[in-house]
PDB file of all heavy atoms in Angstrom:
ATOM      1  N   THR A   1      -8.947   1.394  -3.612  1.00  0.00           N
ATOM      2  CA  THR A   1     -10.084   2.118  -4.189  1.00  0.00           C
ATOM      3  C   THR A   1      -9.632   3.111  -5.252  1.00  0.00           C
ATOM      4  O   THR A   1     -10.417   3.950  -5.694  1.00  0.00           O
ATOM      5  CB  THR A   1     -10.847   2.860  -3.085  1.00  0.00           C
ATOM      6  OG1 THR A   1      -9.924   3.691  -2.352  1.00  0.00           O
ATOM      7  CG2 THR A   1     -11.496   1.877  -2.118  1.00  0.00           C
ATOM      8  N   GLY A   2      -8.374   3.030  -5.673  1.00  0.00           N
ATOM      9  CA  GLY A   2      -7.859   3.926  -6.707  1.00  0.00           C
ATOM     10  C   GLY A   2      -6.480   4.439  -6.352  1.00  0.00           C
ATOM     11  O   GLY A   2      -6.089   4.459  -5.175  1.00  0.00           O
ATOM     12  N   PHE A   3      -5.728   4.837  -7.358  1.00  0.00           N
ATOM     13  CA  PHE A   3      -4.376   5.343  -7.146  1.00  0.00           C
ATOM     14  C   PHE A   3      -4.360   6.520  -6.170  1.00  0.00           C
ATOM     15  O   PHE A   3      -5.123   7.479  -6.315  1.00  0.00           O
ATOM     16  CB  PHE A   3      -3.748   5.789  -8.471  1.00  0.00           C
ATOM     17  CG  PHE A   3      -3.205   4.660  -9.290  1.00  0.00           C
ATOM     18  CD1 PHE A   3      -3.866   4.222 -10.424  1.00  0.00           C
ATOM     19  CD2 PHE A   3      -2.029   4.023  -8.911  1.00  0.00           C
ATOM     20  CE1 PHE A   3      -3.352   3.177 -11.185  1.00  0.00           C
ATOM     21  CE2 PHE A   3      -1.502   2.971  -9.667  1.00  0.00           C
ATOM     22  CZ  PHE A   3      -2.177   2.545 -10.796  1.00  0.00           C
ATOM     23  N   PHE A   4      -3.481   6.424  -5.175  1.00  0.00           N
ATOM     24  CA  PHE A   4      -3.234   7.475  -4.186  1.00  0.00           C
ATOM     25  C   PHE A   4      -4.436   7.741  -3.280  1.00  0.00           C
ATOM     26  O   PHE A   4      -4.444   8.716  -2.533  1.00  0.00           O
ATOM     27  CB  PHE A   4      -2.786   8.776  -4.860  1.00  0.00           C
ATOM     28  CG  PHE A   4      -1.441   8.669  -5.521  1.00  0.00           C
ATOM     29  CD1 PHE A   4      -1.337   8.412  -6.872  1.00  0.00           C
ATOM     30  CD2 PHE A   4      -0.279   8.816  -4.784  1.00  0.00           C
ATOM     31  CE1 PHE A   4      -0.099   8.304  -7.495  1.00  0.00           C
ATOM     32  CE2 PHE A   4       0.963   8.704  -5.391  1.00  0.00           C
ATOM     33  CZ  PHE A   4       1.053   8.450  -6.749  1.00  0.00           C
ATOM     34  N   GLY A   5      -5.460   6.893  -3.351  1.00  0.00           N
ATOM     35  CA  GLY A   5      -6.577   7.013  -2.420  1.00  0.00           C
ATOM     36  C   GLY A   5      -6.167   6.528  -1.043  1.00  0.00           C
ATOM     37  O   GLY A   5      -5.052   6.023  -0.836  1.00  0.00           O
ATOM     38  N   GLU A   6      -7.086   6.654  -0.084  1.00  0.00           N
ATOM     39  CA  GLU A   6      -6.755   6.300   1.297  1.00  0.00           C
ATOM     40  C   GLU A   6      -6.316   4.841   1.421  1.00  0.00           C
ATOM     41  O   GLU A   6      -5.330   4.531   2.103  1.00  0.00           O
ATOM     42  CB  GLU A   6      -7.962   6.558   2.204  1.00  0.00           C
ATOM     43  CG  GLU A   6      -7.659   6.324   3.670  1.00  0.00           C
ATOM     44  CD  GLU A   6      -8.830   6.661   4.563  1.00  0.00           C
ATOM     45  OE1 GLU A   6      -9.966   6.292   4.228  1.00  0.00           O
ATOM     46  OE2 GLU A   6      -8.612   7.295   5.607  1.00  0.00           O
ATOM     47  N   VAL A   7      -7.029   3.936   0.759  1.00  0.00           N
ATOM     48  CA  VAL A   7      -6.685   2.519   0.854  1.00  0.00           C
ATOM     49  C   VAL A   7      -5.327   2.248   0.211  1.00  0.00           C
ATOM     50  O   VAL A   7      -4.520   1.463   0.729  1.00  0.00           O
ATOM     51  CB  VAL A   7      -7.782   1.649   0.209  1.00  0.00           C
ATOM     52  CG1 VAL A   7      -7.403   0.167   0.281  1.00  0.00           C
ATOM     53  CG2 VAL A   7      -9.118   1.877   0.907  1.00  0.00           C
ATOM     54  N   HIS A   8      -5.057   2.895  -0.917  1.00  0.00           N
ATOM     55  CA  HIS A   8      -3.766   2.723  -1.581  1.00  0.00           C
ATOM     56  C   HIS A   8      -2.634   3.221  -0.681  1.00  0.00           C
ATOM     57  O   HIS A   8      -1.626   2.515  -0.477  1.00  0.00           O
ATOM     58  CB  HIS A   8      -3.760   3.480  -2.910  1.00  0.00           C
ATOM     59  CG  HIS A   8      -2.493   3.294  -3.701  1.00  0.00           C
ATOM     60  ND1 HIS A   8      -2.098   4.172  -4.687  1.00  0.00           N
ATOM     61  CD2 HIS A   8      -1.510   2.351  -3.632  1.00  0.00           C
ATOM     62  CE1 HIS A   8      -0.952   3.764  -5.197  1.00  0.00           C
ATOM     63  NE2 HIS A   8      -0.573   2.665  -4.576  1.00  0.00           N
ATOM     64  N   VAL A   9      -2.801   4.410  -0.152  1.00  0.00           N
ATOM     65  CA  VAL A   9      -1.743   4.996   0.678  1.00  0.00           C
ATOM     66  C   VAL A   9      -1.481   4.136   1.910  1.00  0.00           C
ATOM     67  O   VAL A   9      -0.324   3.841   2.246  1.00  0.00           O
ATOM     68  CB  VAL A   9      -2.122   6.433   1.081  1.00  0.00           C
ATOM     69  CG1 VAL A   9      -1.164   6.962   2.139  1.00  0.00           C
ATOM     70  CG2 VAL A   9      -2.107   7.351  -0.136  1.00  0.00           C
ATOM     71  N   ARG A  10      -2.562   3.720   2.582  1.00  0.00           N
ATOM     72  CA  ARG A  10      -2.352   2.912   3.787  1.00  0.00           C
ATOM     73  C   ARG A  10      -1.740   1.549   3.440  1.00  0.00           C
ATOM     74  O   ARG A  10      -0.931   1.017   4.194  1.00  0.00           O
ATOM     75  CB  ARG A  10      -3.662   2.762   4.557  1.00  0.00           C
ATOM     76  CG  ARG A  10      -4.497   1.554   4.267  1.00  0.00           C
ATOM     77  CD  ARG A  10      -5.526   1.266   5.340  1.00  0.00           C
ATOM     78  NE  ARG A  10      -6.452   2.350   5.517  1.00  0.00           N
ATOM     79  CZ  ARG A  10      -7.728   2.318   5.120  1.00  0.00           C
ATOM     80  NH1 ARG A  10      -8.214   1.261   4.500  1.00  0.00           N
ATOM     81  NH2 ARG A  10      -8.519   3.336   5.333  1.00  0.00           N
ATOM     82  N   SER A  11      -2.117   0.994   2.292  1.00  0.00           N
ATOM     83  CA  SER A  11      -1.592  -0.316   1.897  1.00  0.00           C
ATOM     84  C   SER A  11      -0.110  -0.244   1.559  1.00  0.00           C
ATOM     85  O   SER A  11       0.662  -1.147   1.909  1.00  0.00           O
ATOM     86  CB  SER A  11      -2.379  -0.857   0.705  1.00  0.00           C
ATOM     87  OG  SER A  11      -3.744  -1.011   1.030  1.00  0.00           O
ATOM     88  N   GLU A  12       0.300   0.829   0.874  1.00  0.00           N
ATOM     89  CA  GLU A  12       1.717   0.999   0.565  1.00  0.00           C
ATOM     90  C   GLU A  12       2.525   1.183   1.843  1.00  0.00           C
ATOM     91  O   GLU A  12       3.653   0.680   1.958  1.00  0.00           O
ATOM     92  CB  GLU A  12       1.910   2.194  -0.370  1.00  0.00           C
ATOM     93  CG  GLU A  12       1.352   2.006  -1.775  1.00  0.00           C
ATOM     94  CD  GLU A  12       2.184   1.092  -2.647  1.00  0.00           C
ATOM     95  OE1 GLU A  12       3.207   0.554  -2.165  1.00  0.00           O
ATOM     96  OE2 GLU A  12       1.804   0.897  -3.822  1.00  0.00           O
ATOM     97  N   ALA A  13       1.948   1.916   2.800  1.00  0.00           N
ATOM     98  CA  ALA A  13       2.630   2.086   4.087  1.00  0.00           C
ATOM     99  C   ALA A  13       2.757   0.736   4.802  1.00  0.00           C
ATOM    100  O   ALA A  13       3.787   0.437   5.420  1.00  0.00           O
ATOM    101  CB  ALA A  13       1.865   3.075   4.956  1.00  0.00           C
ATOM    102  N   PHE A  14       1.713  -0.083   4.702  1.00  0.00           N
ATOM    103  CA  PHE A  14       1.750  -1.413   5.321  1.00  0.00           C
ATOM    104  C   PHE A  14       2.815  -2.293   4.665  1.00  0.00           C
ATOM    105  O   PHE A  14       3.603  -2.948   5.354  1.00  0.00           O
ATOM    106  CB  PHE A  14       0.379  -2.091   5.203  1.00  0.00           C
ATOM    107  CG  PHE A  14       0.420  -3.562   5.532  1.00  0.00           C
ATOM    108  CD1 PHE A  14       0.452  -3.988   6.848  1.00  0.00           C
ATOM    109  CD2 PHE A  14       0.458  -4.510   4.522  1.00  0.00           C
ATOM    110  CE1 PHE A  14       0.535  -5.343   7.159  1.00  0.00           C
ATOM    111  CE2 PHE A  14       0.528  -5.862   4.813  1.00  0.00           C
ATOM    112  CZ  PHE A  14       0.566  -6.286   6.145  1.00  0.00           C
ATOM    113  N   VAL A  15       2.826  -2.329   3.336  1.00  0.00           N
ATOM    114  CA  VAL A  15       3.797  -3.145   2.601  1.00  0.00           C
ATOM    115  C   VAL A  15       5.215  -2.757   2.997  1.00  0.00           C
ATOM    116  O   VAL A  15       6.084  -3.617   3.204  1.00  0.00           O
ATOM    117  CB  VAL A  15       3.573  -2.984   1.078  1.00  0.00           C
ATOM    118  CG1 VAL A  15       4.759  -3.510   0.288  1.00  0.00           C
ATOM    119  CG2 VAL A  15       2.292  -3.700   0.658  1.00  0.00           C
ATOM    120  N   ASP A  16       5.442  -1.457   3.133  1.00  0.00           N
ATOM    121  CA  ASP A  16       6.757  -0.963   3.529  1.00  0.00           C
ATOM    122  C   ASP A  16       7.096  -1.408   4.948  1.00  0.00           C
ATOM    123  O   ASP A  16       8.208  -1.868   5.226  1.00  0.00           O
ATOM    124  CB  ASP A  16       6.784   0.559   3.415  1.00  0.00           C
ATOM    125  CG  ASP A  16       8.150   1.146   3.706  1.00  0.00           C
ATOM    126  OD1 ASP A  16       9.091   0.841   2.960  1.00  0.00           O
ATOM    127  OD2 ASP A  16       8.271   1.905   4.691  1.00  0.00           O
ATOM    128  N   THR A  17       6.120  -1.271   5.856  1.00  0.00           N
ATOM    129  CA  THR A  17       6.342  -1.654   7.250  1.00  0.00           C
ATOM    130  C   THR A  17       6.573  -3.154   7.391  1.00  0.00           C
ATOM    131  O   THR A  17       7.422  -3.595   8.178  1.00  0.00           O
ATOM    132  CB  THR A  17       5.129  -1.248   8.113  1.00  0.00           C
ATOM    133  OG1 THR A  17       4.917   0.163   8.007  1.00  0.00           O
ATOM    134  CG2 THR A  17       5.346  -1.607   9.575  1.00  0.00           C
ATOM    135  N   ALA A  18       5.819  -3.949   6.631  1.00  0.00           N
ATOM    136  CA  ALA A  18       5.920  -5.407   6.730  1.00  0.00           C
ATOM    137  C   ALA A  18       7.151  -5.961   6.029  1.00  0.00           C
ATOM    138  O   ALA A  18       7.520  -7.127   6.239  1.00  0.00           O
ATOM    139  CB  ALA A  18       4.655  -6.050   6.147  1.00  0.00           C
ATOM    140  N   GLY A  19       7.787  -5.137   5.172  1.00  0.00           N
ATOM    141  CA  GLY A  19       8.971  -5.593   4.457  1.00  0.00           C
ATOM    142  C   GLY A  19       8.670  -6.616   3.382  1.00  0.00           C
ATOM    143  O   GLY A  19       9.440  -7.556   3.163  1.00  0.00           O
ATOM    144  N   ILE A  20       7.524  -6.432   2.712  1.00  0.00           N
ATOM    145  CA  ILE A  20       7.151  -7.362   1.644  1.00  0.00           C
ATOM    146  C   ILE A  20       6.994  -6.598   0.328  1.00  0.00           C
ATOM    147  O   ILE A  20       6.900  -5.369   0.320  1.00  0.00           O
ATOM    148  CB  ILE A  20       5.837  -8.104   1.956  1.00  0.00           C
ATOM    149  CG1 ILE A  20       4.665  -7.109   2.078  1.00  0.00           C
ATOM    150  CG2 ILE A  20       5.976  -8.926   3.226  1.00  0.00           C
ATOM    151  CD1 ILE A  20       3.308  -7.764   2.254  1.00  0.00           C
ATOM    152  N   ASP A  21       6.953  -7.333  -0.772  1.00  0.00           N
ATOM    153  CA  ASP A  21       6.651  -6.767  -2.084  1.00  0.00           C
ATOM    154  C   ASP A  21       5.365  -7.405  -2.579  1.00  0.00           C
ATOM    155  O   ASP A  21       5.251  -8.641  -2.635  1.00  0.00           O
ATOM    156  CB  ASP A  21       7.777  -7.056  -3.081  1.00  0.00           C
ATOM    157  CG  ASP A  21       9.050  -6.290  -2.762  1.00  0.00           C
ATOM    158  OD1 ASP A  21       8.926  -5.098  -2.428  1.00  0.00           O
ATOM    159  OD2 ASP A  21      10.137  -6.885  -2.842  1.00  0.00           O
ATOM    160  N   ALA A  22       4.389  -6.560  -2.914  1.00  0.00           N
ATOM    161  CA  ALA A  22       3.108  -7.047  -3.429  1.00  0.00           C
ATOM    162  C   ALA A  22       2.631  -6.079  -4.496  1.00  0.00           C
ATOM    163  O   ALA A  22       2.972  -4.895  -4.481  1.00  0.00           O
ATOM    164  CB  ALA A  22       2.082  -7.163  -2.308  1.00  0.00           C
ATOM    165  N   ARG A  23       1.854  -6.579  -5.445  1.00  0.00           N
ATOM    166  CA  ARG A  23       1.405  -5.754  -6.564  1.00  0.00           C
ATOM    167  C   ARG A  23       0.081  -5.062  -6.264  1.00  0.00           C
ATOM    168  O   ARG A  23      -0.847  -5.679  -5.727  1.00  0.00           O
ATOM    169  CB  ARG A  23       1.262  -6.622  -7.830  1.00  0.00           C
ATOM    170  CG  ARG A  23       2.595  -7.075  -8.390  1.00  0.00           C
ATOM    171  CD  ARG A  23       2.427  -7.868  -9.679  1.00  0.00           C
ATOM    172  NE  ARG A  23       1.821  -9.170  -9.442  1.00  0.00           N
ATOM    173  CZ  ARG A  23       0.653  -9.559  -9.935  1.00  0.00           C
ATOM    174  NH1 ARG A  23      -0.058  -8.727 -10.695  1.00  0.00           N
ATOM    175  NH2 ARG A  23       0.181 -10.769  -9.685  1.00  0.00           N
ATOM    176  N   HIS A  24       0.016  -3.808  -6.621  1.00  0.00           N
ATOM    177  CA  HIS A  24      -1.177  -2.989  -6.391  1.00  0.00           C
ATOM    178  C   HIS A  24      -2.157  -3.126  -7.545  1.00  0.00           C
ATOM    179  O   HIS A  24      -1.797  -2.941  -8.706  1.00  0.00           O
ATOM    180  CB  HIS A  24      -0.750  -1.515  -6.230  1.00  0.00           C
ATOM    181  CG  HIS A  24      -1.889  -0.561  -6.197  1.00  0.00           C
ATOM    182  ND1 HIS A  24      -1.874   0.645  -6.879  1.00  0.00           N
ATOM    183  CD2 HIS A  24      -3.098  -0.615  -5.576  1.00  0.00           C
ATOM    184  CE1 HIS A  24      -3.007   1.282  -6.666  1.00  0.00           C
ATOM    185  NE2 HIS A  24      -3.766   0.538  -5.885  1.00  0.00           N
TER     186      HIS A  24
END
């Protein structure tokens, strides 16, 4: 929903936890 918003922050945390690389 935008840079550094709740969805962005949680998604980056997920990507890190899952050990994957994906584009925002």
